[in-house]
Amino acid sequence: MSDLLEKSLKAAPIVNRGEYNYFIHPITDGVPYLEPALLNEVTDRIIAVAEPGFDKILTIEAMGIHIGTALALRTGKPMSIVRKRPYGLPNEVKIHQATGYSKGELYLNGISAGERLIIIDDVVSTGGTLEAVWQAVGIAGGIIVDTVVVIERGDGAKRLRQAGLPVKTLVRIDVGPEGVEILG
């Protein structure tokens, strides 16, 4: 298996936002540009670690959309997107999410009771978004088969796992002023 993901993370520019070192990467930001080979590698790695038997892919606006789309094309499974604005559709689930850098409402549509889901996202840092999505799926009656996130940063994924929530990540990183460090 290639290591384009790790190489691209090590080369990612760092922007300091106060005390937070923010890495800029095609998977997490869409800039500077996303090479098809990188997206294919990420998709292959998700397929390799994901539990089979899901009916639908659930991803989160905005940066989970390209990853979820690639997975949908590869698996032939439909995809639903957790959105940041309401549509007012029947059975829409509104939930509050809070992360280390934002808070607001999320809206889940297109999930039916009993439907088996894989949740896909780009980064887990605090785990706040995933907690909110899991809550919404529970309200809608969906069943979470697996959760796969491309990049793990901080202690959010560890905290979620300790709480018994299923989350797999492809690469674990730390970010300092000098750059991205691959931890595993």
Protein backbone atom coordinates (compact mmCIF):
# COMPACT_ATOMS: atom_id res chain seq x y z
CA MET A 1 0.00 0.00 0.00
CA SER A 2 1.24 3.47 -0.86
CA ASP A 3 1.94 6.12 1.72
CA LEU A 4 0.82 9.19 -0.22
CA LEU A 5 -1.34 10.23 2.74
CA GLU A 6 1.57 10.28 5.18
CA LYS A 7 3.91 12.00 2.69
CA SER A 8 1.32 14.67 1.91
CA LEU A 9 0.66 15.28 5.61
CA LYS A 10 4.36 15.74 6.33
CA ALA A 11 4.49 18.30 3.50
CA ALA A 12 1.38 20.17 4.68
CA PRO A 13 1.83 23.89 5.39
CA ILE A 14 1.17 25.01 8.97
CA VAL A 15 -0.74 28.18 9.83
CA ASN A 16 -0.65 29.43 13.38
CA ARG A 17 -4.05 30.61 14.63
CA GLY A 18 -3.35 31.91 18.10
CA GLU A 19 -2.12 28.92 20.08
CA TYR A 20 -3.49 26.43 17.52
CA ASN A 21 -1.25 25.04 14.79
CA TYR A 22 -3.54 24.37 11.84
CA PHE A 23 -2.37 22.09 9.04
CA ILE A 24 -3.61 22.73 5.51
CA HIS A 25 -4.18 19.58 3.48
CA PRO A 26 -6.13 18.53 0.37
CA ILE A 27 -8.19 15.93 2.28
CA THR A 28 -9.15 18.30 5.11
CA ASP A 29 -9.29 21.63 3.30
CA GLY A 30 -9.41 20.97 -0.43
CA VAL A 31 -6.35 23.15 -0.90
CA PRO A 32 -4.07 23.56 -2.58
CA TYR A 33 -5.64 20.80 -4.73
CA LEU A 34 -6.60 17.15 -4.33
CA GLU A 35 -4.73 14.63 -6.47
CA PRO A 36 -6.86 11.68 -7.63
CA ALA A 37 -4.11 9.26 -6.50
CA LEU A 38 -4.38 10.55 -2.91
CA LEU A 39 -8.17 10.25 -2.88
CA ASN A 40 -7.92 6.74 -4.36
CA GLU A 41 -5.42 5.71 -1.68
CA VAL A 42 -7.66 7.06 1.09
CA THR A 43 -10.66 5.23 -0.40
CA ASP A 44 -8.70 1.97 -0.68
CA ARG A 45 -7.58 2.27 2.94
CA ILE A 46 -11.13 2.94 4.14
CA ILE A 47 -12.39 -0.14 2.29
CA ALA A 48 -9.58 -2.20 3.82
CA VAL A 49 -10.48 -1.30 7.44
CA ALA A 50 -14.26 -0.79 7.26
CA GLU A 51 -16.77 -3.33 8.48
CA PRO A 52 -18.74 -4.75 5.55
CA GLY A 53 -22.50 -4.94 5.39
CA PHE A 54 -23.49 -1.29 5.41
CA ASP A 55 -26.48 -0.06 3.42
CA LYS A 56 -25.53 3.60 3.17
CA ILE A 57 -22.60 5.96 3.59
CA LEU A 58 -23.15 8.92 5.91
CA THR A 59 -20.69 11.78 5.68
CA ILE A 60 -20.44 15.26 7.12
CA GLU A 61 -20.45 18.60 5.30
CA ALA A 62 -18.18 19.88 3.94
CA MET A 63 -14.89 18.01 3.89
CA GLY A 64 -16.34 14.53 4.22
CA ILE A 65 -18.24 14.89 0.95
CA HIS A 66 -15.40 14.11 -1.46
CA ILE A 67 -14.30 11.11 0.62
CA GLY A 68 -17.87 9.79 0.90
CA THR A 69 -18.44 10.33 -2.82
CA ALA A 70 -15.31 8.35 -3.74
CA LEU A 71 -16.42 5.55 -1.41
CA ALA A 72 -19.95 5.57 -2.88
CA LEU A 73 -18.57 5.31 -6.41
CA ARG A 74 -16.27 2.45 -5.41
CA THR A 75 -18.85 0.47 -3.40
CA GLY A 76 -22.03 1.31 -5.29
CA LYS A 77 -23.69 2.33 -2.01
CA PRO A 78 -25.82 5.49 -1.66
CA MET A 79 -24.61 8.42 0.39
CA SER A 80 -26.34 10.87 2.68
CA ILE A 81 -24.76 14.10 3.95
CA VAL A 82 -25.13 15.64 7.40
CA ARG A 83 -25.71 19.29 6.58
CA LYS A 84 -25.16 22.55 8.43
CA ARG A 85 -28.51 24.01 7.38
CA PRO A 86 -32.08 22.75 7.64
CA TYR A 87 -34.17 21.62 4.70
CA GLY A 88 -37.39 21.03 6.61
CA LEU A 89 -37.91 17.57 5.13
CA PRO A 90 -40.04 15.00 6.95
CA ASN A 91 -38.05 13.17 9.66
CA GLU A 92 -35.18 15.69 9.58
CA VAL A 93 -33.13 15.39 12.77
CA LYS A 94 -31.63 18.57 14.22
CA ILE A 95 -28.80 18.23 16.69
CA HIS A 96 -26.34 20.58 18.35
CA GLN A 97 -22.62 20.01 17.84
CA ALA A 98 -19.65 21.58 19.54
CA THR A 99 -16.01 21.15 18.57
CA GLY A 100 -12.81 22.78 19.71
CA TYR A 101 -13.29 25.59 17.20
CA SER A 102 -17.01 25.89 16.45
CA LYS A 103 -20.52 25.08 17.55
CA GLY A 104 -23.86 25.05 15.83
CA GLU A 105 -26.63 22.88 14.51
CA LEU A 106 -26.37 19.91 12.20
CA TYR A 107 -29.23 18.37 10.21
CA LEU A 108 -29.63 14.74 9.26
CA ASN A 109 -31.91 13.68 6.42
CA GLY A 110 -32.31 10.53 4.37
CA ILE A 111 -31.76 7.94 7.10
CA SER A 112 -34.42 5.30 7.74
CA ALA A 113 -34.97 3.20 10.84
CA GLY A 114 -32.97 0.00 10.69
CA GLU A 115 -30.65 1.23 7.95
CA ARG A 116 -27.02 0.12 8.46
CA LEU A 117 -24.58 3.03 8.11
CA ILE A 118 -20.89 3.68 7.80
CA ILE A 119 -19.92 7.17 8.90
CA ILE A 120 -17.03 8.76 7.00
CA ASP A 121 -15.24 12.01 7.84
CA ASP A 122 -11.94 13.76 7.23
CA VAL A 123 -10.65 14.59 10.75
CA VAL A 124 -11.51 13.80 14.34
CA SER A 125 -9.99 16.19 16.89
CA THR A 126 -12.33 16.68 19.84
CA GLY A 127 -14.96 14.16 18.76
CA GLY A 128 -17.78 16.69 19.14
CA THR A 129 -19.07 16.37 15.59
CA LEU A 130 -19.08 12.56 15.65
CA GLU A 131 -20.91 12.53 18.98
CA ALA A 132 -23.60 14.77 17.50
CA VAL A 133 -23.89 12.61 14.37
CA TRP A 134 -24.16 9.40 16.41
CA GLN A 135 -26.91 11.05 18.46
CA ALA A 136 -28.81 12.04 15.30
CA VAL A 137 -28.48 8.55 13.80
CA GLY A 138 -29.89 7.11 17.02
CA ILE A 139 -32.87 9.47 16.88
CA ALA A 140 -33.48 8.49 13.25
CA GLY A 141 -33.29 4.80 14.14
CA GLY A 142 -30.23 4.05 12.02
CA ILE A 143 -27.61 1.48 12.97
CA ILE A 144 -23.97 2.50 12.90
CA VAL A 145 -21.95 -0.39 11.49
CA ASP A 146 -18.66 1.51 11.50
CA THR A 147 -17.08 4.95 11.65
CA VAL A 148 -13.92 5.64 9.68
CA VAL A 149 -12.11 8.97 9.83
CA VAL A 150 -9.06 9.69 7.70
CA ILE A 151 -7.01 11.73 10.21
CA GLU A 152 -6.94 11.53 14.01
CA ARG A 153 -5.59 14.58 15.81
CA GLY A 154 -5.82 15.21 19.53
CA ASP A 155 -7.60 13.01 22.06
CA GLY A 156 -11.15 13.01 20.67
CA ALA A 157 -10.97 9.58 19.02
CA LYS A 158 -9.41 8.05 22.13
CA ARG A 159 -12.13 9.58 24.31
CA LEU A 160 -14.86 8.27 21.97
CA ARG A 161 -13.36 4.76 21.98
CA GLN A 162 -13.16 4.79 25.77
CA ALA A 163 -16.88 5.66 25.80
CA GLY A 164 -17.54 2.57 23.68
CA LEU A 165 -18.19 4.39 20.41
CA PRO A 166 -16.70 2.76 17.32
CA VAL A 167 -14.18 4.92 15.48
CA LYS A 168 -11.31 3.87 13.23
CA THR A 169 -8.74 6.23 11.81
CA LEU A 170 -6.26 5.82 8.96
CA VAL A 171 -3.47 7.95 10.41
CA ARG A 172 -2.84 9.60 13.78
CA ILE A 173 -0.93 12.90 13.82
CA ASP A 174 0.29 15.72 15.98
CA VAL A 175 0.82 19.23 14.65
CA GLY A 176 3.43 21.64 15.91
CA PRO A 177 4.84 24.88 14.59
CA GLU A 178 7.43 22.89 12.61
CA GLY A 179 4.91 20.65 10.86
CA VAL A 180 2.92 17.43 11.01
CA GLU A 181 4.29 14.45 12.92
CA ILE A 182 2.95 11.00 12.05
CA LEU A 183 2.22 9.11 15.27
CA GLY A 184 0.74 5.95 13.85
